[in-house]
Amino acid sequence: MKLSDRLKELRKRAGLSQTEIARKIGVPISTYNSYETKGTFPPPSRLAKIAQVLNCTIPDPVSYTHLTLPTNR
């Protein structure tokens, strides 16, 4: 699964709009939108913020497509 698809899936599961998550991670909506629609890869520090907001983990920092939800959900 592509990172863009996974981000969209996790955001929707969290019940957040693109505007809400963009505000929470401190970027313009257009920047966050590019992560979900254009396949733009966020810098590692921003990816960490996204993971924190979405309450997920990044088990392999090199392989961004492996974002996972906590097992207790």
C-alpha atoms as a PDB file:
ATOM      1  CA  MET A   1       0.000   0.000   0.000  1.00  0.00           C
ATOM      2  CA  LYS A   2       1.285   3.452  -0.868  1.00  0.00           C
ATOM      3  CA  LEU A   3       1.963   5.937   1.907  1.00  0.00           C
ATOM      4  CA  SER A   4      -0.645   8.317   0.502  1.00  0.00           C
ATOM      5  CA  ASP A   5      -3.347   5.643   0.714  1.00  0.00           C
ATOM      6  CA  ARG A   6      -2.303   4.616   4.219  1.00  0.00           C
ATOM      7  CA  LEU A   7      -2.316   8.198   5.494  1.00  0.00           C
ATOM      8  CA  LYS A   8      -5.815   8.724   4.122  1.00  0.00           C
ATOM      9  CA  GLU A   9      -7.048   5.475   5.666  1.00  0.00           C
ATOM     10  CA  LEU A  10      -5.582   6.237   9.091  1.00  0.00           C
ATOM     11  CA  ARG A  11      -6.842   9.829   9.041  1.00  0.00           C
ATOM     12  CA  LYS A  12     -10.363   8.686   8.249  1.00  0.00           C
ATOM     13  CA  ARG A  13     -10.223   6.049  10.997  1.00  0.00           C
ATOM     14  CA  ALA A  14      -9.210   8.806  13.395  1.00  0.00           C
ATOM     15  CA  GLY A  15     -12.232  10.829  12.286  1.00  0.00           C
ATOM     16  CA  LEU A  16     -10.160  13.811  11.164  1.00  0.00           C
ATOM     17  CA  SER A  17     -10.467  15.998   8.092  1.00  0.00           C
ATOM     18  CA  GLN A  18      -7.404  17.023   6.113  1.00  0.00           C
ATOM     19  CA  THR A  19      -7.835  20.531   7.509  1.00  0.00           C
ATOM     20  CA  GLU A  20      -7.842  19.261  11.094  1.00  0.00           C
ATOM     21  CA  ILE A  21      -4.742  17.130  10.727  1.00  0.00           C
ATOM     22  CA  ALA A  22      -2.904  19.874   8.825  1.00  0.00           C
ATOM     23  CA  ARG A  23      -3.616  22.281  11.683  1.00  0.00           C
ATOM     24  CA  LYS A  24      -2.497  19.723  14.297  1.00  0.00           C
ATOM     25  CA  ILE A  25       0.840  19.104  12.567  1.00  0.00           C
ATOM     26  CA  GLY A  26       1.381  22.784  11.740  1.00  0.00           C
ATOM     27  CA  VAL A  27       1.306  22.778   7.940  1.00  0.00           C
ATOM     28  CA  PRO A  28      -0.942  24.373   5.319  1.00  0.00           C
ATOM     29  CA  ILE A  29      -3.802  22.183   4.096  1.00  0.00           C
ATOM     30  CA  SER A  30      -2.199  22.152   0.639  1.00  0.00           C
ATOM     31  CA  THR A  31       0.932  20.551   2.102  1.00  0.00           C
ATOM     32  CA  TYR A  32      -0.956  17.812   3.887  1.00  0.00           C
ATOM     33  CA  ASN A  33      -3.198  17.290   0.870  1.00  0.00           C
ATOM     34  CA  SER A  34      -0.099  16.623  -1.244  1.00  0.00           C
ATOM     35  CA  TYR A  35       0.835  13.756   1.106  1.00  0.00           C
ATOM     36  CA  GLU A  36      -2.501  12.042   0.431  1.00  0.00           C
ATOM     37  CA  THR A  37      -3.127  12.915  -3.201  1.00  0.00           C
ATOM     38  CA  LYS A  38       0.218  13.495  -4.906  1.00  0.00           C
ATOM     39  CA  GLY A  39       2.316  10.921  -3.120  1.00  0.00           C
ATOM     40  CA  THR A  40       4.622  13.554  -1.638  1.00  0.00           C
ATOM     41  CA  PHE A  41       6.663  12.058   1.209  1.00  0.00           C
ATOM     42  CA  PRO A  42       6.698  14.127   4.396  1.00  0.00           C
ATOM     43  CA  PRO A  43      10.066  14.743   6.029  1.00  0.00           C
ATOM     44  CA  PRO A  44      10.780  12.286   8.872  1.00  0.00           C
ATOM     45  CA  SER A  45      10.091  14.866  11.589  1.00  0.00           C
ATOM     46  CA  ARG A  46       6.703  15.678  10.082  1.00  0.00           C
ATOM     47  CA  LEU A  47       5.897  12.010   9.606  1.00  0.00           C
ATOM     48  CA  ALA A  48       6.562  11.556  13.315  1.00  0.00           C
ATOM     49  CA  LYS A  49       4.054  14.339  14.087  1.00  0.00           C
ATOM     50  CA  ILE A  50       1.481  12.725  11.806  1.00  0.00           C
ATOM     51  CA  ALA A  51       1.979   9.375  13.522  1.00  0.00           C
ATOM     52  CA  GLN A  52       1.527  11.023  16.916  1.00  0.00           C
ATOM     53  CA  VAL A  53      -1.709  12.738  15.855  1.00  0.00           C
ATOM     54  CA  LEU A  54      -3.037   9.530  14.292  1.00  0.00           C
ATOM     55  CA  ASN A  55      -1.936   7.465  17.289  1.00  0.00           C
ATOM     56  CA  CYS A  56       0.026   5.040  15.144  1.00  0.00           C
ATOM     57  CA  THR A  57       3.602   3.817  14.970  1.00  0.00           C
ATOM     58  CA  ILE A  58       6.351   3.950  12.390  1.00  0.00           C
ATOM     59  CA  PRO A  59       8.200   0.664  12.906  1.00  0.00           C
ATOM     60  CA  ASP A  60      10.730   1.243  10.131  1.00  0.00           C
ATOM     61  CA  PRO A  61      11.739   4.864   9.546  1.00  0.00           C
ATOM     62  CA  VAL A  62      13.050   3.975   6.088  1.00  0.00           C
ATOM     63  CA  SER A  63       9.848   2.271   4.966  1.00  0.00           C
ATOM     64  CA  TYR A  64       7.092   4.841   5.443  1.00  0.00           C
ATOM     65  CA  THR A  65       4.431   2.488   4.118  1.00  0.00           C
ATOM     66  CA  HIS A  66       4.498   0.449   7.310  1.00  0.00           C
ATOM     67  CA  LEU A  67       2.430   2.825   9.448  1.00  0.00           C
ATOM     68  CA  THR A  68       0.383   0.671  11.806  1.00  0.00           C
ATOM     69  CA  LEU A  69      -2.367   1.215  14.313  1.00  0.00           C
ATOM     70  CA  PRO A  70      -1.824   0.196  17.935  1.00  0.00           C
ATOM     71  CA  THR A  71      -3.029  -3.328  18.658  1.00  0.00           C
ATOM     72  CA  ASN A  72      -5.299  -2.179  21.501  1.00  0.00           C
ATOM     73  CA  ARG A  73      -7.718  -0.349  19.155  1.00  0.00           C
END
